[in-house]
């Protein structure tokens, strides 16, 4: 009976953690934030930006009526799950979540990458890199500047966002596919409570590669996580912190100080390493008493104003308020 109770408690904890990871993507994003009325926009659905394993990779484009000429990529991902249409236990494209960005004039590219358990994290990352190149290649079609792209991600989507931010690459000039000739870098980054270092999960040397609070998401790491050696190699490969250089784009991170799923330490050490590398435009804003995906994190007036101003300042050269001055 004791064993059964312990097992039941363990299973219940895993389910709750998994639900917490999957419930953090924003839904209606403007009830408490800046936008007051529904923005006028045009939606282009299921644009194919690539193909893999016999399936299409798609994104949706949201073009505001009063465009400012700049594009923001929204990574549709939570717990390394993603879907286009509303799907149980998978984050999906949610037009209401982009209202504040649309009100500010940004064209939003909601990118749906591949998902676990069919694909592992190392297999998901190239999807985002392809999406950036595709959007840059077709920037004129969507009336956005190809050399001024922002990217936004939340939790696991934040990890994917930082992998793109830290590994912008020149295109291959001799590629047969013209999309692959494009640069995959971005010019401004916003993310909430992102994993950044799976090999030091909450403290030095703590293995988080499908371990610790990430145990419920074990499938996302694949078979390489079955051995200690495999986890060490994989953890380094998928951790943004190991790719930091002085050329990082301006990055804003917002994180709660009582996050039990993705430790605040993940953002703190990332910002520390970035500053040591000479990338001063990386800022961390800590929300006191907030956990993982706290209620209203995406649509609070304070955070909405902060990330919109950050994008304005670093993409458009406009300063509204104190964006970029986040204090730890």
C-alpha atoms as a PDB file:
ATOM      1  CA  UNK A   1       0.000   0.000   0.000  1.00  0.00           C
ATOM      2  CA  UNK A   2       2.829   2.398   0.862  1.00  0.00           C
ATOM      3  CA  UNK A   3       4.562   1.595  -2.414  1.00  0.00           C
ATOM      4  CA  UNK A   4       1.322   2.166  -4.342  1.00  0.00           C
ATOM      5  CA  UNK A   5       0.771   5.487  -2.614  1.00  0.00           C
ATOM      6  CA  UNK A   6       4.304   6.610  -3.422  1.00  0.00           C
ATOM      7  CA  UNK A   7       3.868   5.542  -7.043  1.00  0.00           C
ATOM      8  CA  UNK A   8       0.522   7.347  -7.278  1.00  0.00           C
ATOM      9  CA  UNK A   9       2.060  10.484  -5.798  1.00  0.00           C
ATOM     10  CA  UNK A  10       4.953  10.305  -8.250  1.00  0.00           C
ATOM     11  CA  UNK A  11       2.632   9.830 -11.231  1.00  0.00           C
ATOM     12  CA  UNK A  12       0.395  12.672 -10.066  1.00  0.00           C
ATOM     13  CA  UNK A  13       3.444  14.955  -9.791  1.00  0.00           C
ATOM     14  CA  UNK A  14       4.552  14.042 -13.327  1.00  0.00           C
ATOM     15  CA  UNK A  15       1.062  14.766 -14.706  1.00  0.00           C
ATOM     16  CA  UNK A  16       0.881  18.117 -12.914  1.00  0.00           C
ATOM     17  CA  UNK A  17       4.330  19.128 -14.148  1.00  0.00           C
ATOM     18  CA  UNK A  18       3.458  18.163 -17.690  1.00  0.00           C
ATOM     19  CA  UNK A  19       0.198  20.097 -17.556  1.00  0.00           C
ATOM     20  CA  UNK A  20       2.059  23.094 -16.186  1.00  0.00           C
ATOM     21  CA  UNK A  21       4.471  23.026 -19.098  1.00  0.00           C
ATOM     22  CA  UNK A  22       1.642  22.722 -21.601  1.00  0.00           C
ATOM     23  CA  UNK A  23      -0.620  25.397 -20.128  1.00  0.00           C
ATOM     24  CA  UNK A  24       1.725  28.367 -20.243  1.00  0.00           C
ATOM     25  CA  UNK A  25       1.230  29.566 -23.795  1.00  0.00           C
ATOM     26  CA  UNK A  26      -0.972  32.679 -23.901  1.00  0.00           C
ATOM     27  CA  UNK A  27      -4.594  32.517 -24.824  1.00  0.00           C
ATOM     28  CA  UNK A  28      -6.475  35.776 -24.963  1.00  0.00           C
ATOM     29  CA  UNK A  29      -3.589  38.166 -24.649  1.00  0.00           C
ATOM     30  CA  UNK A  30      -5.235  41.563 -24.246  1.00  0.00           C
ATOM     31  CA  UNK A  31      -7.669  41.477 -21.346  1.00  0.00           C
ATOM     32  CA  UNK A  32      -5.225  43.034 -18.875  1.00  0.00           C
ATOM     33  CA  UNK A  33      -2.686  44.442 -21.302  1.00  0.00           C
ATOM     34  CA  UNK A  34      -2.512  47.376 -23.672  1.00  0.00           C
ATOM     35  CA  UNK A  35      -4.840  46.546 -26.551  1.00  0.00           C
ATOM     36  CA  UNK A  36      -8.416  47.723 -26.008  1.00  0.00           C
ATOM     37  CA  UNK A  37     -10.093  46.799 -29.294  1.00  0.00           C
ATOM     38  CA  UNK A  38      -9.643  43.923 -31.693  1.00  0.00           C
ATOM     39  CA  UNK A  39      -7.004  44.959 -34.246  1.00  0.00           C
ATOM     40  CA  UNK A  40      -7.815  44.849 -37.926  1.00  0.00           C
ATOM     41  CA  UNK A  41      -5.570  42.327 -39.607  1.00  0.00           C
ATOM     42  CA  UNK A  42      -5.305  39.887 -42.471  1.00  0.00           C
ATOM     43  CA  UNK A  43      -4.483  36.265 -41.693  1.00  0.00           C
ATOM     44  CA  UNK A  44      -2.734  33.986 -44.172  1.00  0.00           C
ATOM     45  CA  UNK A  45      -2.945  30.392 -42.920  1.00  0.00           C
ATOM     46  CA  UNK A  46      -0.781  27.334 -43.501  1.00  0.00           C
ATOM     47  CA  UNK A  47       2.081  28.923 -45.396  1.00  0.00           C
ATOM     48  CA  UNK A  48       4.554  26.092 -46.060  1.00  0.00           C
ATOM     49  CA  UNK A  49       8.056  27.142 -45.040  1.00  0.00           C
ATOM     50  CA  UNK A  50       9.664  23.721 -45.365  1.00  0.00           C
ATOM     51  CA  UNK A  51       9.164  19.981 -45.519  1.00  0.00           C
ATOM     52  CA  UNK A  52      10.551  17.071 -43.515  1.00  0.00           C
ATOM     53  CA  UNK A  53       9.777  13.401 -43.073  1.00  0.00           C
ATOM     54  CA  UNK A  54       6.998  13.608 -45.641  1.00  0.00           C
ATOM     55  CA  UNK A  55       5.141  16.428 -43.910  1.00  0.00           C
ATOM     56  CA  UNK A  56       4.790  20.171 -44.395  1.00  0.00           C
ATOM     57  CA  UNK A  57       6.128  22.698 -41.894  1.00  0.00           C
ATOM     58  CA  UNK A  58       3.779  25.669 -41.725  1.00  0.00           C
ATOM     59  CA  UNK A  59       3.386  29.154 -40.337  1.00  0.00           C
ATOM     60  CA  UNK A  60       0.522  31.643 -40.222  1.00  0.00           C
ATOM     61  CA  UNK A  61       1.042  35.292 -41.137  1.00  0.00           C
ATOM     62  CA  UNK A  62      -0.897  38.038 -39.335  1.00  0.00           C
ATOM     63  CA  UNK A  63      -0.671  41.379 -41.138  1.00  0.00           C
ATOM     64  CA  UNK A  64      -2.061  44.416 -39.288  1.00  0.00           C
ATOM     65  CA  UNK A  65      -3.969  47.020 -41.230  1.00  0.00           C
ATOM     66  CA  UNK A  66      -1.561  49.691 -40.021  1.00  0.00           C
ATOM     67  CA  UNK A  67       1.742  47.882 -40.467  1.00  0.00           C
ATOM     68  CA  UNK A  68       4.960  49.427 -39.146  1.00  0.00           C
ATOM     69  CA  UNK A  69       6.976  47.408 -41.671  1.00  0.00           C
ATOM     70  CA  UNK A  70       8.639  45.098 -39.152  1.00  0.00           C
ATOM     71  CA  UNK A  71       8.141  41.383 -38.532  1.00  0.00           C
ATOM     72  CA  UNK A  72       8.098  39.347 -35.310  1.00  0.00           C
ATOM     73  CA  UNK A  73       8.387  35.556 -35.280  1.00  0.00           C
ATOM     74  CA  UNK A  74       6.287  33.886 -32.576  1.00  0.00           C
ATOM     75  CA  UNK A  75       7.510  30.369 -31.759  1.00  0.00           C
ATOM     76  CA  UNK A  76       4.410  28.227 -31.205  1.00  0.00           C
ATOM     77  CA  UNK A  77       5.856  25.745 -28.772  1.00  0.00           C
ATOM     78  CA  UNK A  78       5.489  24.606 -25.177  1.00  0.00           C
ATOM     79  CA  UNK A  79       7.231  21.561 -23.713  1.00  0.00           C
ATOM     80  CA  UNK A  80       8.545  20.960 -27.262  1.00  0.00           C
ATOM     81  CA  UNK A  81       4.977  20.319 -28.433  1.00  0.00           C
ATOM     82  CA  UNK A  82       3.371  22.365 -31.203  1.00  0.00           C
ATOM     83  CA  UNK A  83       0.280  22.338 -33.406  1.00  0.00           C
ATOM     84  CA  UNK A  84      -1.443  24.598 -35.880  1.00  0.00           C
ATOM     85  CA  UNK A  85      -5.047  23.945 -34.867  1.00  0.00           C
ATOM     86  CA  UNK A  86      -6.336  23.630 -31.284  1.00  0.00           C
ATOM     87  CA  UNK A  87      -5.171  20.212 -30.161  1.00  0.00           C
ATOM     88  CA  UNK A  88      -5.364  18.599 -26.698  1.00  0.00           C
ATOM     89  CA  UNK A  89      -2.081  18.963 -24.809  1.00  0.00           C
ATOM     90  CA  UNK A  90      -0.357  20.841 -27.644  1.00  0.00           C
ATOM     91  CA  UNK A  91       0.148  24.602 -27.902  1.00  0.00           C
ATOM     92  CA  UNK A  92      -1.370  25.944 -31.103  1.00  0.00           C
ATOM     93  CA  UNK A  93      -1.650  29.117 -33.177  1.00  0.00           C
ATOM     94  CA  UNK A  94      -3.785  31.553 -31.157  1.00  0.00           C
ATOM     95  CA  UNK A  95      -4.658  34.824 -32.919  1.00  0.00           C
ATOM     96  CA  UNK A  96      -5.795  36.518 -29.703  1.00  0.00           C
ATOM     97  CA  UNK A  97      -2.305  36.125 -28.278  1.00  0.00           C
ATOM     98  CA  UNK A  98      -0.815  38.380 -30.951  1.00  0.00           C
ATOM     99  CA  UNK A  99      -3.200  41.313 -30.543  1.00  0.00           C
ATOM    100  CA  UNK A 100      -0.809  43.619 -28.722  1.00  0.00           C
ATOM    101  CA  UNK A 101       1.904  43.016 -31.298  1.00  0.00           C
ATOM    102  CA  UNK A 102      -0.594  43.699 -34.078  1.00  0.00           C
ATOM    103  CA  UNK A 103      -1.820  46.877 -32.395  1.00  0.00           C
ATOM    104  CA  UNK A 104       1.761  48.105 -32.315  1.00  0.00           C
ATOM    105  CA  UNK A 105       1.947  47.472 -36.075  1.00  0.00           C
ATOM    106  CA  UNK A 106       4.057  44.315 -36.144  1.00  0.00           C
ATOM    107  CA  UNK A 107       3.437  41.605 -38.698  1.00  0.00           C
ATOM    108  CA  UNK A 108       3.404  38.334 -36.752  1.00  0.00           C
ATOM    109  CA  UNK A 109       4.688  35.056 -38.143  1.00  0.00           C
ATOM    110  CA  UNK A 110       3.315  32.242 -35.950  1.00  0.00           C
ATOM    111  CA  UNK A 111       5.723  29.390 -36.679  1.00  0.00           C
ATOM    112  CA  UNK A 112       4.740  25.790 -35.945  1.00  0.00           C
ATOM    113  CA  UNK A 113       7.828  23.557 -35.691  1.00  0.00           C
ATOM    114  CA  UNK A 114       7.806  19.782 -35.425  1.00  0.00           C
ATOM    115  CA  UNK A 115       7.062  18.205 -32.044  1.00  0.00           C
ATOM    116  CA  UNK A 116       8.071  15.539 -29.606  1.00  0.00           C
ATOM    117  CA  UNK A 117       7.745  12.595 -29.286  1.00  0.00           C
ATOM    118  CA  UNK A 118       7.945  12.194 -33.066  1.00  0.00           C
ATOM    119  CA  UNK A 119      10.957  14.513 -33.149  1.00  0.00           C
ATOM    120  CA  UNK A 120      13.589  15.369 -30.561  1.00  0.00           C
ATOM    121  CA  UNK A 121      14.860  18.806 -29.577  1.00  0.00           C
ATOM    122  CA  UNK A 122      17.918  18.657 -31.902  1.00  0.00           C
ATOM    123  CA  UNK A 123      15.534  17.841 -34.764  1.00  0.00           C
ATOM    124  CA  UNK A 124      13.164  20.700 -33.898  1.00  0.00           C
ATOM    125  CA  UNK A 125      15.784  23.471 -33.851  1.00  0.00           C
ATOM    126  CA  UNK A 126      16.512  23.382 -37.618  1.00  0.00           C
ATOM    127  CA  UNK A 127      12.808  24.006 -38.297  1.00  0.00           C
ATOM    128  CA  UNK A 128      13.065  27.446 -36.682  1.00  0.00           C
ATOM    129  CA  UNK A 129      16.268  28.206 -38.558  1.00  0.00           C
ATOM    130  CA  UNK A 130      14.494  27.328 -41.809  1.00  0.00           C
ATOM    131  CA  UNK A 131      11.528  29.516 -40.850  1.00  0.00           C
ATOM    132  CA  UNK A 132      13.744  32.559 -40.291  1.00  0.00           C
ATOM    133  CA  UNK A 133      15.349  32.082 -43.679  1.00  0.00           C
ATOM    134  CA  UNK A 134      11.977  31.599 -45.364  1.00  0.00           C
ATOM    135  CA  UNK A 135      10.536  34.766 -43.801  1.00  0.00           C
ATOM    136  CA  UNK A 136      13.631  36.779 -44.745  1.00  0.00           C
ATOM    137  CA  UNK A 137      13.479  35.464 -48.318  1.00  0.00           C
ATOM    138  CA  UNK A 138       9.808  36.442 -48.625  1.00  0.00           C
ATOM    139  CA  UNK A 139       9.985  39.683 -46.626  1.00  0.00           C
ATOM    140  CA  UNK A 140       8.912  41.866 -49.555  1.00  0.00           C
ATOM    141  CA  UNK A 141       5.806  39.740 -50.092  1.00  0.00           C
ATOM    142  CA  UNK A 142       4.748  40.367 -46.483  1.00  0.00           C
ATOM    143  CA  UNK A 143       5.866  44.019 -46.456  1.00  0.00           C
ATOM    144  CA  UNK A 144       8.479  43.661 -43.714  1.00  0.00           C
ATOM    145  CA  UNK A 145      12.142  44.606 -43.580  1.00  0.00           C
ATOM    146  CA  UNK A 146      14.327  41.521 -44.127  1.00  0.00           C
ATOM    147  CA  UNK A 147      17.161  42.842 -41.964  1.00  0.00           C
ATOM    148  CA  UNK A 148      14.978  43.681 -38.938  1.00  0.00           C
ATOM    149  CA  UNK A 149      13.304  40.521 -37.621  1.00  0.00           C
ATOM    150  CA  UNK A 150      12.346  39.902 -33.999  1.00  0.00           C
ATOM    151  CA  UNK A 151      11.580  36.583 -32.335  1.00  0.00           C
ATOM    152  CA  UNK A 152       9.497  35.686 -29.264  1.00  0.00           C
ATOM    153  CA  UNK A 153       9.348  32.409 -27.335  1.00  0.00           C
ATOM    154  CA  UNK A 154       7.966  31.074 -24.053  1.00  0.00           C
ATOM    155  CA  UNK A 155       9.471  28.316 -21.852  1.00  0.00           C
ATOM    156  CA  UNK A 156      10.589  25.534 -24.246  1.00  0.00           C
ATOM    157  CA  UNK A 157       9.794  28.001 -27.019  1.00  0.00           C
ATOM    158  CA  UNK A 158      12.182  30.365 -25.262  1.00  0.00           C
ATOM    159  CA  UNK A 159      14.943  27.752 -25.415  1.00  0.00           C
ATOM    160  CA  UNK A 160      14.340  27.353 -29.139  1.00  0.00           C
ATOM    161  CA  UNK A 161      14.304  31.137 -29.523  1.00  0.00           C
ATOM    162  CA  UNK A 162      17.679  31.469 -27.809  1.00  0.00           C
ATOM    163  CA  UNK A 163      19.142  28.688 -29.934  1.00  0.00           C
ATOM    164  CA  UNK A 164      18.227  30.772 -32.981  1.00  0.00           C
ATOM    165  CA  UNK A 165      19.490  33.971 -31.353  1.00  0.00           C
ATOM    166  CA  UNK A 166      22.871  32.468 -30.498  1.00  0.00           C
ATOM    167  CA  UNK A 167      23.448  30.662 -33.800  1.00  0.00           C
ATOM    168  CA  UNK A 168      22.540  33.035 -36.579  1.00  0.00           C
ATOM    169  CA  UNK A 169      24.312  31.813 -39.722  1.00  0.00           C
ATOM    170  CA  UNK A 170      25.021  33.137 -43.175  1.00  0.00           C
ATOM    171  CA  UNK A 171      23.215  31.316 -45.923  1.00  0.00           C
ATOM    172  CA  UNK A 172      24.916  28.994 -48.372  1.00  0.00           C
ATOM    173  CA  UNK A 173      25.527  31.071 -51.490  1.00  0.00           C
ATOM    174  CA  UNK A 174      25.635  27.990 -53.698  1.00  0.00           C
ATOM    175  CA  UNK A 175      22.485  26.353 -52.308  1.00  0.00           C
ATOM    176  CA  UNK A 176      20.034  25.143 -54.915  1.00  0.00           C
ATOM    177  CA  UNK A 177      17.142  26.273 -52.738  1.00  0.00           C
ATOM    178  CA  UNK A 178      17.148  30.109 -52.666  1.00  0.00           C
ATOM    179  CA  UNK A 179      15.696  30.080 -49.140  1.00  0.00           C
ATOM    180  CA  UNK A 180      18.858  28.364 -47.895  1.00  0.00           C
ATOM    181  CA  UNK A 181      20.951  31.232 -49.243  1.00  0.00           C
ATOM    182  CA  UNK A 182      19.401  33.561 -46.661  1.00  0.00           C
ATOM    183  CA  UNK A 183      20.828  34.505 -43.266  1.00  0.00           C
ATOM    184  CA  UNK A 184      19.166  32.845 -40.247  1.00  0.00           C
ATOM    185  CA  UNK A 185      19.983  35.565 -37.712  1.00  0.00           C
ATOM    186  CA  UNK A 186      17.438  37.712 -35.868  1.00  0.00           C
ATOM    187  CA  UNK A 187      17.810  41.280 -34.636  1.00  0.00           C
ATOM    188  CA  UNK A 188      15.787  41.360 -31.401  1.00  0.00           C
ATOM    189  CA  UNK A 189      14.699  38.675 -28.931  1.00  0.00           C
ATOM    190  CA  UNK A 190      12.046  38.387 -26.219  1.00  0.00           C
ATOM    191  CA  UNK A 191      11.573  35.247 -24.129  1.00  0.00           C
ATOM    192  CA  UNK A 192       9.913  34.172 -20.905  1.00  0.00           C
ATOM    193  CA  UNK A 193      11.475  31.689 -18.433  1.00  0.00           C
ATOM    194  CA  UNK A 194      13.629  29.785 -20.944  1.00  0.00           C
ATOM    195  CA  UNK A 195      15.823  26.723 -20.355  1.00  0.00           C
ATOM    196  CA  UNK A 196      19.388  27.756 -21.198  1.00  0.00           C
ATOM    197  CA  UNK A 197      21.750  25.154 -19.689  1.00  0.00           C
ATOM    198  CA  UNK A 198      20.608  21.555 -19.331  1.00  0.00           C
ATOM    199  CA  UNK A 199      23.926  20.469 -17.813  1.00  0.00           C
ATOM    200  CA  UNK A 200      23.615  22.823 -14.847  1.00  0.00           C
ATOM    201  CA  UNK A 201      19.927  22.636 -14.044  1.00  0.00           C
ATOM    202  CA  UNK A 202      19.401  24.835 -11.008  1.00  0.00           C
ATOM    203  CA  UNK A 203      23.015  24.500  -9.893  1.00  0.00           C
ATOM    204  CA  UNK A 204      26.490  23.421 -11.035  1.00  0.00           C
ATOM    205  CA  UNK A 205      26.671  19.908 -12.453  1.00  0.00           C
ATOM    206  CA  UNK A 206      22.980  19.056 -12.004  1.00  0.00           C
ATOM    207  CA  UNK A 207      21.815  16.996 -14.992  1.00  0.00           C
ATOM    208  CA  UNK A 208      18.564  18.318 -16.482  1.00  0.00           C
ATOM    209  CA  UNK A 209      18.625  16.357 -19.741  1.00  0.00           C
ATOM    210  CA  UNK A 210      15.275  14.649 -19.294  1.00  0.00           C
ATOM    211  CA  UNK A 211      15.993  14.602 -15.573  1.00  0.00           C
ATOM    212  CA  UNK A 212      14.840  16.608 -12.533  1.00  0.00           C
ATOM    213  CA  UNK A 213      11.784  18.751 -13.300  1.00  0.00           C
ATOM    214  CA  UNK A 214      12.145  17.814 -16.976  1.00  0.00           C
ATOM    215  CA  UNK A 215      11.587  14.091 -16.316  1.00  0.00           C
ATOM    216  CA  UNK A 216       7.973  14.279 -17.560  1.00  0.00           C
ATOM    217  CA  UNK A 217       9.327  15.499 -20.910  1.00  0.00           C
ATOM    218  CA  UNK A 218      11.873  12.727 -21.274  1.00  0.00           C
ATOM    219  CA  UNK A 219      10.713  11.833 -24.801  1.00  0.00           C
ATOM    220  CA  UNK A 220      11.791  15.234 -26.140  1.00  0.00           C
ATOM    221  CA  UNK A 221      15.449  14.323 -25.532  1.00  0.00           C
ATOM    222  CA  UNK A 222      15.382  11.004 -27.362  1.00  0.00           C
ATOM    223  CA  UNK A 223      17.505   7.895 -26.866  1.00  0.00           C
ATOM    224  CA  UNK A 224      20.730   9.854 -26.405  1.00  0.00           C
ATOM    225  CA  UNK A 225      19.476  10.729 -22.937  1.00  0.00           C
ATOM    226  CA  UNK A 226      19.621   7.068 -21.903  1.00  0.00           C
ATOM    227  CA  UNK A 227      23.273   7.258 -20.860  1.00  0.00           C
ATOM    228  CA  UNK A 228      25.292   9.767 -18.889  1.00  0.00           C
ATOM    229  CA  UNK A 229      27.730  10.273 -21.761  1.00  0.00           C
ATOM    230  CA  UNK A 230      24.864  10.816 -24.164  1.00  0.00           C
ATOM    231  CA  UNK A 231      23.232  13.338 -21.852  1.00  0.00           C
ATOM    232  CA  UNK A 232      26.448  15.297 -21.486  1.00  0.00           C
ATOM    233  CA  UNK A 233      26.890  15.600 -25.249  1.00  0.00           C
ATOM    234  CA  UNK A 234      23.216  16.286 -25.920  1.00  0.00           C
ATOM    235  CA  UNK A 235      22.914  18.781 -23.075  1.00  0.00           C
ATOM    236  CA  UNK A 236      25.712  20.885 -24.492  1.00  0.00           C
ATOM    237  CA  UNK A 237      24.319  20.639 -28.029  1.00  0.00           C
ATOM    238  CA  UNK A 238      20.870  22.001 -27.124  1.00  0.00           C
ATOM    239  CA  UNK A 239      21.840  24.551 -24.454  1.00  0.00           C
ATOM    240  CA  UNK A 240      21.942  28.146 -25.766  1.00  0.00           C
ATOM    241  CA  UNK A 241      24.442  29.199 -23.103  1.00  0.00           C
ATOM    242  CA  UNK A 242      27.281  27.345 -24.878  1.00  0.00           C
ATOM    243  CA  UNK A 243      26.832  29.360 -28.062  1.00  0.00           C
ATOM    244  CA  UNK A 244      26.977  32.866 -26.602  1.00  0.00           C
ATOM    245  CA  UNK A 245      29.234  35.356 -28.367  1.00  0.00           C
ATOM    246  CA  UNK A 246      29.621  39.111 -28.349  1.00  0.00           C
ATOM    247  CA  UNK A 247      27.403  39.229 -31.433  1.00  0.00           C
ATOM    248  CA  UNK A 248      24.188  38.279 -29.637  1.00  0.00           C
ATOM    249  CA  UNK A 249      21.169  40.304 -30.722  1.00  0.00           C
ATOM    250  CA  UNK A 250      19.492  42.453 -28.024  1.00  0.00           C
ATOM    251  CA  UNK A 251      17.673  39.998 -25.761  1.00  0.00           C
ATOM    252  CA  UNK A 252      15.027  40.549 -23.084  1.00  0.00           C
ATOM    253  CA  UNK A 253      14.297  37.698 -20.651  1.00  0.00           C
ATOM    254  CA  UNK A 254      11.448  37.771 -18.108  1.00  0.00           C
ATOM    255  CA  UNK A 255      11.474  35.104 -15.366  1.00  0.00           C
ATOM    256  CA  UNK A 256       9.793  34.485 -12.000  1.00  0.00           C
ATOM    257  CA  UNK A 257      11.960  33.977  -8.930  1.00  0.00           C
ATOM    258  CA  UNK A 258       9.975  30.995  -7.577  1.00  0.00           C
ATOM    259  CA  UNK A 259       9.840  28.999 -10.818  1.00  0.00           C
ATOM    260  CA  UNK A 260       9.863  25.308  -9.880  1.00  0.00           C
ATOM    261  CA  UNK A 261      10.012  24.002 -13.447  1.00  0.00           C
ATOM    262  CA  UNK A 262      12.692  26.148 -15.097  1.00  0.00           C
ATOM    263  CA  UNK A 263      14.915  27.578 -12.340  1.00  0.00           C
ATOM    264  CA  UNK A 264      15.577  31.316 -12.355  1.00  0.00           C
ATOM    265  CA  UNK A 265      19.252  30.309 -12.323  1.00  0.00           C
ATOM    266  CA  UNK A 266      18.863  29.386 -15.997  1.00  0.00           C
ATOM    267  CA  UNK A 267      18.241  33.006 -16.972  1.00  0.00           C
ATOM    268  CA  UNK A 268      20.671  34.461 -14.446  1.00  0.00           C
ATOM    269  CA  UNK A 269      23.643  32.447 -15.674  1.00  0.00           C
ATOM    270  CA  UNK A 270      22.733  33.098 -19.312  1.00  0.00           C
ATOM    271  CA  UNK A 271      22.763  36.856 -18.768  1.00  0.00           C
ATOM    272  CA  UNK A 272      25.989  36.611 -16.766  1.00  0.00           C
ATOM    273  CA  UNK A 273      27.718  34.674 -19.566  1.00  0.00           C
ATOM    274  CA  UNK A 274      26.424  37.103 -22.166  1.00  0.00           C
ATOM    275  CA  UNK A 275      27.848  40.071 -20.316  1.00  0.00           C
ATOM    276  CA  UNK A 276      31.154  38.300 -19.817  1.00  0.00           C
ATOM    277  CA  UNK A 277      31.219  37.709 -23.581  1.00  0.00           C
ATOM    278  CA  UNK A 278      30.724  41.411 -24.222  1.00  0.00           C
ATOM    279  CA  UNK A 279      27.061  41.327 -25.213  1.00  0.00           C
ATOM    280  CA  UNK A 280      25.674  44.082 -22.968  1.00  0.00           C
ATOM    281  CA  UNK A 281      22.234  44.300 -24.566  1.00  0.00           C
ATOM    282  CA  UNK A 282      20.975  41.214 -22.770  1.00  0.00           C
ATOM    283  CA  UNK A 283      18.635  42.070 -19.919  1.00  0.00           C
ATOM    284  CA  UNK A 284      16.863  39.993 -17.281  1.00  0.00           C
ATOM    285  CA  UNK A 285      13.711  41.188 -15.547  1.00  0.00           C
ATOM    286  CA  UNK A 286      12.809  39.148 -12.470  1.00  0.00           C
ATOM    287  CA  UNK A 287       9.210  38.989 -11.285  1.00  0.00           C
ATOM    288  CA  UNK A 288       9.078  38.551  -7.533  1.00  0.00           C
ATOM    289  CA  UNK A 289       6.927  35.739  -6.187  1.00  0.00           C
ATOM    290  CA  UNK A 290       6.108  34.403  -9.657  1.00  0.00           C
ATOM    291  CA  UNK A 291       6.390  30.789 -10.742  1.00  0.00           C
ATOM    292  CA  UNK A 292       6.385  29.156 -14.155  1.00  0.00           C
ATOM    293  CA  UNK A 293       3.793  30.718 -16.442  1.00  0.00           C
ATOM    294  CA  UNK A 294       2.134  32.845 -13.771  1.00  0.00           C
ATOM    295  CA  UNK A 295      -1.395  34.052 -14.405  1.00  0.00           C
ATOM    296  CA  UNK A 296      -1.419  36.991 -16.802  1.00  0.00           C
ATOM    297  CA  UNK A 297       2.324  36.875 -17.543  1.00  0.00           C
ATOM    298  CA  UNK A 298       1.766  37.461 -21.254  1.00  0.00           C
ATOM    299  CA  UNK A 299      -0.930  40.102 -21.117  1.00  0.00           C
ATOM    300  CA  UNK A 300      -0.121  42.123 -17.998  1.00  0.00           C
ATOM    301  CA  UNK A 301       0.187  45.820 -18.735  1.00  0.00           C
ATOM    302  CA  UNK A 302       3.666  45.948 -17.185  1.00  0.00           C
ATOM    303  CA  UNK A 303       5.193  43.080 -19.146  1.00  0.00           C
ATOM    304  CA  UNK A 304       3.342  43.875 -22.361  1.00  0.00           C
ATOM    305  CA  UNK A 305       4.625  47.448 -22.333  1.00  0.00           C
ATOM    306  CA  UNK A 306       8.096  46.148 -21.557  1.00  0.00           C
ATOM    307  CA  UNK A 307       8.438  43.666 -24.409  1.00  0.00           C
ATOM    308  CA  UNK A 308       6.704  45.906 -26.951  1.00  0.00           C
ATOM    309  CA  UNK A 309       8.991  48.797 -26.086  1.00  0.00           C
ATOM    310  CA  UNK A 310      11.985  46.450 -26.260  1.00  0.00           C
ATOM    311  CA  UNK A 311      11.024  45.436 -29.791  1.00  0.00           C
ATOM    312  CA  UNK A 312      10.353  49.050 -30.765  1.00  0.00           C
ATOM    313  CA  UNK A 313      13.701  50.185 -29.464  1.00  0.00           C
ATOM    314  CA  UNK A 314      15.809  47.375 -30.896  1.00  0.00           C
ATOM    315  CA  UNK A 315      14.023  46.836 -34.214  1.00  0.00           C
ATOM    316  CA  UNK A 316      12.701  50.286 -35.014  1.00  0.00           C
ATOM    317  CA  UNK A 317      15.058  52.532 -33.063  1.00  0.00           C
ATOM    318  CA  UNK A 318      12.138  54.004 -31.101  1.00  0.00           C
ATOM    319  CA  UNK A 319      12.314  54.515 -27.346  1.00  0.00           C
ATOM    320  CA  UNK A 320       8.991  54.297 -25.491  1.00  0.00           C
ATOM    321  CA  UNK A 321       9.424  54.326 -21.738  1.00  0.00           C
ATOM    322  CA  UNK A 322      12.235  52.352 -20.157  1.00  0.00           C
ATOM    323  CA  UNK A 323      12.510  49.265 -22.349  1.00  0.00           C
ATOM    324  CA  UNK A 324      15.940  47.726 -22.114  1.00  0.00           C
ATOM    325  CA  UNK A 325      16.483  48.944 -18.544  1.00  0.00           C
ATOM    326  CA  UNK A 326      15.207  45.834 -16.816  1.00  0.00           C
ATOM    327  CA  UNK A 327      16.632  45.397 -13.331  1.00  0.00           C
ATOM    328  CA  UNK A 328      17.425  42.172 -11.580  1.00  0.00           C
END
